[in-house]
C-alpha atoms as a PDB file:
ATOM      1  CA  MET A   1     -10.252   3.976  34.232  1.00  0.00           C
ATOM      2  CA  LEU A   2      -9.744   0.255  32.468  1.00  0.00           C
ATOM      3  CA  THR A   3      -7.974  -2.457  33.906  1.00  0.00           C
ATOM      4  CA  PHE A   4      -5.882  -4.873  31.728  1.00  0.00           C
ATOM      5  CA  THR A   5      -4.227  -8.398  32.810  1.00  0.00           C
ATOM      6  CA  VAL A   6      -1.513  -8.785  30.264  1.00  0.00           C
ATOM      7  CA  GLY A   7       0.585 -11.927  30.345  1.00  0.00           C
ATOM      8  CA  SER A   8       2.453 -12.632  33.680  1.00  0.00           C
ATOM      9  CA  GLY A   9       3.162  -8.870  34.448  1.00  0.00           C
ATOM     10  CA  PRO A  10       1.261  -6.636  36.949  1.00  0.00           C
ATOM     11  CA  ALA A  11      -2.439  -5.294  35.867  1.00  0.00           C
ATOM     12  CA  LEU A  12      -2.232  -2.426  33.775  1.00  0.00           C
ATOM     13  CA  GLU A  13      -4.544   0.723  34.573  1.00  0.00           C
ATOM     14  CA  VAL A  14      -5.483   2.467  31.259  1.00  0.00           C
ATOM     15  CA  THR A  15      -7.616   5.462  30.241  1.00  0.00           C
ATOM     16  CA  GLU A  16      -8.999   5.511  26.887  1.00  0.00           C
ATOM     17  CA  PHE A  17      -9.344   8.310  24.601  1.00  0.00           C
ATOM     18  CA  ALA A  18     -11.066   8.582  21.008  1.00  0.00           C
ATOM     19  CA  ASP A  19     -10.020  11.311  18.568  1.00  0.00           C
ATOM     20  CA  PHE A  20     -12.863  11.692  15.795  1.00  0.00           C
ATOM     21  CA  ASP A  21     -10.727  14.414  14.216  1.00  0.00           C
ATOM     22  CA  THR A  22      -7.984  12.089  12.867  1.00  0.00           C
ATOM     23  CA  GLY A  23      -9.720   8.601  13.559  1.00  0.00           C
ATOM     24  CA  GLN A  24      -7.656   7.295  16.173  1.00  0.00           C
ATOM     25  CA  ALA A  25      -7.685   5.946  19.675  1.00  0.00           C
ATOM     26  CA  VAL A  26      -5.313   6.852  22.382  1.00  0.00           C
ATOM     27  CA  TYR A  27      -4.775   4.386  25.494  1.00  0.00           C
ATOM     28  CA  ARG A  28      -2.836   5.913  28.428  1.00  0.00           C
ATOM     29  CA  VAL A  29      -1.448   3.184  30.409  1.00  0.00           C
ATOM     30  CA  THR A  30      -0.203   4.623  33.914  1.00  0.00           C
ATOM     31  CA  GLY A  31       3.552   4.067  34.384  1.00  0.00           C
ATOM     32  CA  ILE A  32       4.121   3.277  31.119  1.00  0.00           C
ATOM     33  CA  GLY A  33       3.074   5.956  28.555  1.00  0.00           C
ATOM     34  CA  ALA A  34       0.472   6.393  25.660  1.00  0.00           C
ATOM     35  CA  PHE A  35      -0.311   4.107  22.606  1.00  0.00           C
ATOM     36  CA  THR A  36      -1.807   5.687  19.646  1.00  0.00           C
ATOM     37  CA  LEU A  37      -4.135   3.021  17.705  1.00  0.00           C
ATOM     38  CA  GLY A  38      -5.752   3.543  14.235  1.00  0.00           C
ATOM     39  CA  TRP A  39      -5.329   2.510  10.482  1.00  0.00           C
ATOM     40  CA  ASP A  40      -2.114   2.792   8.609  1.00  0.00           C
ATOM     41  CA  PRO A  41      -2.241   6.117   6.942  1.00  0.00           C
ATOM     42  CA  ASP A  42      -0.651   4.631   3.716  1.00  0.00           C
ATOM     43  CA  HIS A  43      -2.663   1.760   3.465  1.00  0.00           C
ATOM     44  CA  HIS A  44      -5.818   3.476   4.858  1.00  0.00           C
ATOM     45  CA  PRO A  45      -9.158   1.316   4.337  1.00  0.00           C
ATOM     46  CA  GLU A  46     -11.711   1.835   1.672  1.00  0.00           C
ATOM     47  CA  ALA A  47     -15.494   2.062   2.587  1.00  0.00           C
ATOM     48  CA  ASP A  48     -16.026  -1.473   0.956  1.00  0.00           C
ATOM     49  CA  GLN A  49     -12.915  -3.153   2.160  1.00  0.00           C
ATOM     50  CA  ASP A  50     -13.017  -6.337   4.167  1.00  0.00           C
ATOM     51  CA  PRO A  51     -12.226  -5.543   7.969  1.00  0.00           C
ATOM     52  CA  LEU A  52      -9.825  -8.386   7.872  1.00  0.00           C
ATOM     53  CA  GLN A  53      -7.954  -7.079   5.067  1.00  0.00           C
ATOM     54  CA  GLU A  54      -7.175  -3.713   6.889  1.00  0.00           C
ATOM     55  CA  ILE A  55      -3.733  -2.614   8.035  1.00  0.00           C
ATOM     56  CA  LEU A  56      -3.831  -1.216  11.303  1.00  0.00           C
ATOM     57  CA  GLN A  57      -1.028   1.051  13.117  1.00  0.00           C
ATOM     58  CA  VAL A  58       0.072   1.499  16.494  1.00  0.00           C
ATOM     59  CA  ALA A  59       2.267   4.975  17.152  1.00  0.00           C
ATOM     60  CA  TYR A  60       4.485   4.900  20.208  1.00  0.00           C
ATOM     61  CA  GLY A  61       3.071   8.368  21.765  1.00  0.00           C
ATOM     62  CA  THR A  62       0.761  10.920  21.011  1.00  0.00           C
ATOM     63  CA  GLY A  63       0.410  13.881  18.891  1.00  0.00           C
ATOM     64  CA  PRO A  64       1.965  14.284  15.214  1.00  0.00           C
ATOM     65  CA  LEU A  65       3.258  11.053  13.873  1.00  0.00           C
ATOM     66  CA  GLY A  66       7.062  11.055  14.040  1.00  0.00           C
ATOM     67  CA  PHE A  67       9.772   9.097  15.166  1.00  0.00           C
ATOM     68  CA  ARG A  68      10.120  10.674  18.818  1.00  0.00           C
ATOM     69  CA  MET A  69       6.666  11.419  20.024  1.00  0.00           C
ATOM     70  CA  ALA A  70       5.043  12.844  23.071  1.00  0.00           C
ATOM     71  CA  GLU A  71       4.149  10.366  26.162  1.00  0.00           C
ATOM     72  CA  ALA A  72       6.313   7.576  24.381  1.00  0.00           C
ATOM     73  CA  PRO A  73       5.853   4.568  26.291  1.00  0.00           C
ATOM     74  CA  VAL A  74       8.494   3.185  28.196  1.00  0.00           C
ATOM     75  CA  ILE A  75       8.836  -0.522  28.615  1.00  0.00           C
ATOM     76  CA  PHE A  76      11.864  -2.211  30.933  1.00  0.00           C
ATOM     77  CA  GLY A  77      13.555   1.129  31.094  1.00  0.00           C
ATOM     78  CA  ILE A  78      13.555   1.574  27.244  1.00  0.00           C
ATOM     79  CA  THR A  79      11.486   4.284  25.683  1.00  0.00           C
ATOM     80  CA  LEU A  80       9.900   3.173  22.523  1.00  0.00           C
ATOM     81  CA  ALA A  81      10.047   5.072  19.112  1.00  0.00           C
ATOM     82  CA  GLY A  82       8.027   5.476  15.940  1.00  0.00           C
ATOM     83  CA  ALA A  83       5.131   3.656  14.915  1.00  0.00           C
ATOM     84  CA  GLU A  84       4.578   0.012  13.328  1.00  0.00           C
ATOM     85  CA  PRO A  85       1.611  -1.426  10.985  1.00  0.00           C
ATOM     86  CA  PHE A  86       0.080  -4.716  11.799  1.00  0.00           C
ATOM     87  CA  THR A  87      -2.458  -6.896  10.112  1.00  0.00           C
ATOM     88  CA  ARG A  88      -6.004  -7.627  11.944  1.00  0.00           C
ATOM     89  CA  THR A  89      -5.138 -11.198  10.912  1.00  0.00           C
ATOM     90  CA  ALA A  90      -2.343 -11.466  13.216  1.00  0.00           C
ATOM     91  CA  LEU A  91      -4.178  -9.661  15.898  1.00  0.00           C
ATOM     92  CA  ASP A  92      -7.143 -12.074  15.599  1.00  0.00           C
ATOM     93  CA  ALA A  93      -5.063 -14.822  15.640  1.00  0.00           C
ATOM     94  CA  ARG A  94      -3.248 -13.514  18.825  1.00  0.00           C
ATOM     95  CA  ALA A  95       0.272 -13.746  16.721  1.00  0.00           C
ATOM     96  CA  LEU A  96       1.025 -10.118  16.862  1.00  0.00           C
ATOM     97  CA  ARG A  97       4.813  -9.847  17.038  1.00  0.00           C
ATOM     98  CA  LEU A  98       6.141  -6.002  17.241  1.00  0.00           C
ATOM     99  CA  ARG A  99       9.603  -4.884  17.290  1.00  0.00           C
ATOM    100  CA  PRO A 100       9.547  -1.253  17.727  1.00  0.00           C
ATOM    101  CA  TYR A 101      12.495   0.958  17.765  1.00  0.00           C
ATOM    102  CA  ARG A 102      14.513   2.955  20.398  1.00  0.00           C
ATOM    103  CA  LEU A 103      16.956   5.925  19.911  1.00  0.00           C
ATOM    104  CA  ILE A 104      20.641   5.268  20.908  1.00  0.00           C
ATOM    105  CA  VAL A 105      22.994   8.321  20.146  1.00  0.00           C
ATOM    106  CA  SER A 106      20.695   9.577  17.339  1.00  0.00           C
ATOM    107  CA  ALA A 107      20.399   6.360  15.684  1.00  0.00           C
ATOM    108  CA  PRO A 108      17.331   4.113  15.492  1.00  0.00           C
ATOM    109  CA  VAL A 109      17.981   0.714  17.013  1.00  0.00           C
ATOM    110  CA  ARG A 110      15.342  -2.379  17.557  1.00  0.00           C
ATOM    111  CA  VAL A 111      14.700  -3.105  21.044  1.00  0.00           C
ATOM    112  CA  PRO A 112      15.821  -6.065  22.844  1.00  0.00           C
ATOM    113  CA  LYS A 113      13.438  -9.153  22.510  1.00  0.00           C
ATOM    114  CA  GLY A 114      11.995  -9.010  25.952  1.00  0.00           C
ATOM    115  CA  THR A 115      10.875  -5.391  25.659  1.00  0.00           C
ATOM    116  CA  ALA A 116       9.179  -6.021  22.080  1.00  0.00           C
ATOM    117  CA  ARG A 117       7.416  -9.341  23.321  1.00  0.00           C
ATOM    118  CA  ARG A 118       5.994  -7.210  26.391  1.00  0.00           C
ATOM    119  CA  THR A 119       4.878  -4.398  23.748  1.00  0.00           C
ATOM    120  CA  SER A 120       3.393  -6.975  21.487  1.00  0.00           C
ATOM    121  CA  GLU A 121       1.250  -8.135  24.639  1.00  0.00           C
ATOM    122  CA  ILE A 122       0.201  -5.004  25.526  1.00  0.00           C
ATOM    123  CA  VAL A 123      -0.597  -3.468  22.272  1.00  0.00           C
ATOM    124  CA  SER A 124      -2.523  -6.731  21.474  1.00  0.00           C
ATOM    125  CA  ALA A 125      -4.691  -6.380  24.290  1.00  0.00           C
ATOM    126  CA  LEU A 126      -5.317  -2.511  23.711  1.00  0.00           C
ATOM    127  CA  ALA A 127      -6.090  -3.158  20.038  1.00  0.00           C
ATOM    128  CA  ARG A 128      -8.338  -6.252  20.676  1.00  0.00           C
ATOM    129  CA  HIS A 129     -10.375  -3.656  23.086  1.00  0.00           C
ATOM    130  CA  TRP A 130     -10.355  -1.020  20.756  1.00  0.00           C
ATOM    131  CA  LEU A 131     -11.709  -2.760  17.788  1.00  0.00           C
ATOM    132  CA  ALA A 132     -14.388  -4.275  20.010  1.00  0.00           C
ATOM    133  CA  GLN A 133     -15.923  -1.019  20.813  1.00  0.00           C
ATOM    134  CA  PRO A 134     -19.337   0.096  19.305  1.00  0.00           C
ATOM    135  CA  TRP A 135     -18.051   3.528  18.368  1.00  0.00           C
ATOM    136  CA  THR A 136     -15.075   2.114  16.484  1.00  0.00           C
ATOM    137  CA  PRO A 137     -16.582   1.904  13.067  1.00  0.00           C
ATOM    138  CA  GLU A 138     -17.486   5.643  13.233  1.00  0.00           C
ATOM    139  CA  LEU A 139     -13.949   6.217  14.174  1.00  0.00           C
ATOM    140  CA  ARG A 140     -12.955   4.215  11.034  1.00  0.00           C
ATOM    141  CA  ARG A 141     -15.175   6.661   9.209  1.00  0.00           C
ATOM    142  CA  ALA A 142     -13.509   9.859  10.983  1.00  0.00           C
ATOM    143  CA  HIS A 143     -10.167   8.266   9.727  1.00  0.00           C
ATOM    144  CA  GLU A 144     -11.368   7.875   6.123  1.00  0.00           C
ATOM    145  CA  HIS A 145     -12.709  11.590   6.188  1.00  0.00           C
ATOM    146  CA  HIS A 146      -9.261  12.912   7.671  1.00  0.00           C
ATOM    147  CA  CYS A 147      -7.380  11.020   4.936  1.00  0.00           C
ATOM    148  CA  ALA A 148      -9.989  12.209   2.176  1.00  0.00           C
ATOM    149  CA  PRO A 149      -7.719  15.114   1.263  1.00  0.00           C
ATOM    150  CA  ASP A 150      -4.675  13.062   0.583  1.00  0.00           C
ATOM    151  CA  SER A 151      -6.766  10.223  -1.290  1.00  0.00           C
ATOM    152  CA  LEU A 152      -8.528  12.700  -3.449  1.00  0.00           C
ATOM    153  CA  HIS A 153      -4.635  13.954  -4.394  1.00  0.00           C
ATOM    154  CA  ARG A 154      -3.273  10.643  -4.924  1.00  0.00           C
ATOM    155  CA  TYR A 155      -6.050   9.380  -7.017  1.00  0.00           C
ATOM    156  CA  GLY A 156      -6.017  12.620  -8.994  1.00  0.00           C
ATOM    157  CA  GLY A 157      -2.673  12.188 -10.001  1.00  0.00           C
ATOM    158  CA  LEU A 158      -2.971   8.697 -10.828  1.00  0.00           C
ATOM    159  CA  ILE A 159      -6.106   9.497 -12.919  1.00  0.00           C
ATOM    160  CA  ALA A 160      -4.065  12.085 -14.675  1.00  0.00           C
ATOM    161  CA  GLN A 161      -1.291   9.489 -15.374  1.00  0.00           C
ATOM    162  CA  HIS A 162      -3.727   7.062 -16.854  1.00  0.00           C
ATOM    163  CA  GLU A 163      -5.339   9.509 -19.055  1.00  0.00           C
ATOM    164  CA  GLU A 164      -2.011  10.501 -20.556  1.00  0.00           C
ATOM    165  CA  ARG A 165      -1.215   6.868 -21.206  1.00  0.00           C
ATOM    166  CA  MET A 166      -4.593   6.219 -22.587  1.00  0.00           C
ATOM    167  CA  ARG A 167      -3.971   9.481 -24.740  1.00  0.00           C
ATOM    168  CA  ARG A 168      -0.771   7.825 -26.131  1.00  0.00           C
ATOM    169  CA  LEU A 169      -1.984   4.448 -26.535  1.00  0.00           C
ATOM    170  CA  HIS A 170      -4.903   5.634 -28.560  1.00  0.00           C
ATOM    171  CA  GLU A 171      -2.421   7.882 -30.785  1.00  0.00           C
ATOM    172  CA  ASP A 172      -0.474   4.327 -31.048  1.00  0.00           C
ATOM    173  CA  HIS A 173      -3.606   2.449 -31.886  1.00  0.00           C
ATOM    174  CA  GLY A 174      -4.547   4.858 -34.646  1.00  0.00           C
ATOM    175  CA  TYR A 175      -1.114   4.710 -35.993  1.00  0.00           C
ATOM    176  CA  TYR A 176      -0.960   0.722 -36.095  1.00  0.00           C
ATOM    177  CA  ILE A 177      -4.539   0.797 -37.512  1.00  0.00           C
ATOM    178  CA  GLN A 178      -3.177   3.102 -40.801  1.00  0.00           C
ATOM    179  CA  ARG A 179      -0.022   0.816 -41.037  1.00  0.00           C
ATOM    180  CA  ALA A 180      -2.237  -2.222 -40.852  1.00  0.00           C
ATOM    181  CA  ASP A 181      -4.541  -0.836 -43.724  1.00  0.00           C
ATOM    182  CA  ARG A 182      -1.317   0.197 -46.016  1.00  0.00           C
ATOM    183  CA  ALA A 183      -0.126  -3.719 -45.462  1.00  0.00           C
ATOM    184  CA  THR A 184      -3.666  -4.790 -46.541  1.00  0.00           C
ATOM    185  CA  SER A 185      -3.956  -2.918 -49.587  1.00  0.00           C
ATOM    186  CA  ILE A 186      -0.596  -4.155 -50.348  1.00  0.00           C
ATOM    187  CA  LEU A 187      -1.607  -7.573 -50.049  1.00  0.00           C
ATOM    188  CA  GLN A 188      -4.831  -7.134 -52.011  1.00  0.00           C
ATOM    189  CA  ALA A 189      -2.927  -5.763 -55.113  1.00  0.00           C
ATOM    190  CA  GLY A 190      -1.247  -9.231 -55.452  1.00  0.00           C
ATOM    191  CA  PRO A 191       2.062  -9.931 -55.987  1.00  0.00           C
ATOM    192  CA  VAL A 192       4.384  -7.792 -58.020  1.00  0.00           C
ATOM    193  CA  PRO A 193       5.295  -9.259 -61.568  1.00  0.00           C
ATOM    194  CA  ALA A 194       8.629  -8.793 -62.926  1.00  0.00           C
ATOM    195  CA  PRO A 195       8.707  -6.054 -65.616  1.00  0.00           C
ATOM    196  CA  ALA A 196      10.107  -6.534 -69.092  1.00  0.00           C
ATOM    197  CA  GLY A 197      13.936  -6.044 -69.218  1.00  0.00           C
ATOM    198  CA  ALA A 198      14.297  -7.014 -65.491  1.00  0.00           C
ATOM    199  CA  PRO A 199      17.121  -9.263 -64.560  1.00  0.00           C
ATOM    200  CA  PRO A 200      16.323 -13.126 -64.116  1.00  0.00           C
ATOM    201  CA  HIS A 201      15.115 -14.439 -60.740  1.00  0.00           C
ATOM    202  CA  PRO A 202      18.141 -15.700 -58.842  1.00  0.00           C
ATOM    203  CA  PHE A 203      16.906 -19.229 -58.269  1.00  0.00           C
ATOM    204  CA  ALA A 204      15.020 -19.259 -62.025  1.00  0.00           C
ATOM    205  CA  SER A 205      15.781 -22.573 -64.022  1.00  0.00           C
ATOM    206  CA  PRO A 206      18.231 -22.401 -66.948  1.00  0.00           C
ATOM    207  CA  GLY A 207      16.702 -20.741 -70.305  1.00  0.00           C
ATOM    208  CA  ALA A 208      13.684 -19.477 -68.108  1.00  0.00           C
ATOM    209  CA  THR A 209      12.755 -16.157 -69.329  1.00  0.00           C
ATOM    210  CA  THR A 210      10.807 -13.257 -67.786  1.00  0.00           C
ATOM    211  CA  ASP A 211       9.150 -12.548 -71.322  1.00  0.00           C
ATOM    212  CA  PRO A 212       5.332 -13.084 -70.338  1.00  0.00           C
ATOM    213  CA  ALA A 213       4.783 -14.564 -73.946  1.00  0.00           C
ATOM    214  CA  GLY A 214       7.669 -17.138 -73.367  1.00  0.00           C
ATOM    215  CA  LYS A 215       9.593 -15.663 -76.454  1.00  0.00           C
END
């Protein structure tokens, strides 16, 4: 059991869990609910990415990601919903500003500012603790492994798109070379002289003739 003193509120009793199947950390806060911390699945980190450029995520509750999750936290009597991304830079600068949703009559509505402020304080404390743990790099690798099938599918699709684009560009390139070669041969043939009997040039001097002998 961990104890956190967050802001001016009472001390929080927290139980910490690590899910190495999905690469997420779960913090169950006594009397409030659970916060699932990890990396944003839409911007999951690459192996060579600078940690400061990572996009992290907090989900309000546990289980499959969704708007209404199990063990959703309740702060100031308001049940939090959904998930939010945040930057590691904002976290390190202690400038995390979250604005979670709540559900009112089947419609998502932002929580009041006081609830959002308290949520930001709690998530900031939990996330800093999570990122400082010696097992977090392995959890990051577990997240990468969990996301690898989706990454392979996404990158495979992008590769196919680029290959088709390259094929079309190659065809266009060949066509343009052919037309450029044609234009080059025309230029190399030199100007076209007017044949005998052709009408005079529209800007020729009076009395000029198209006869090459000048007769």
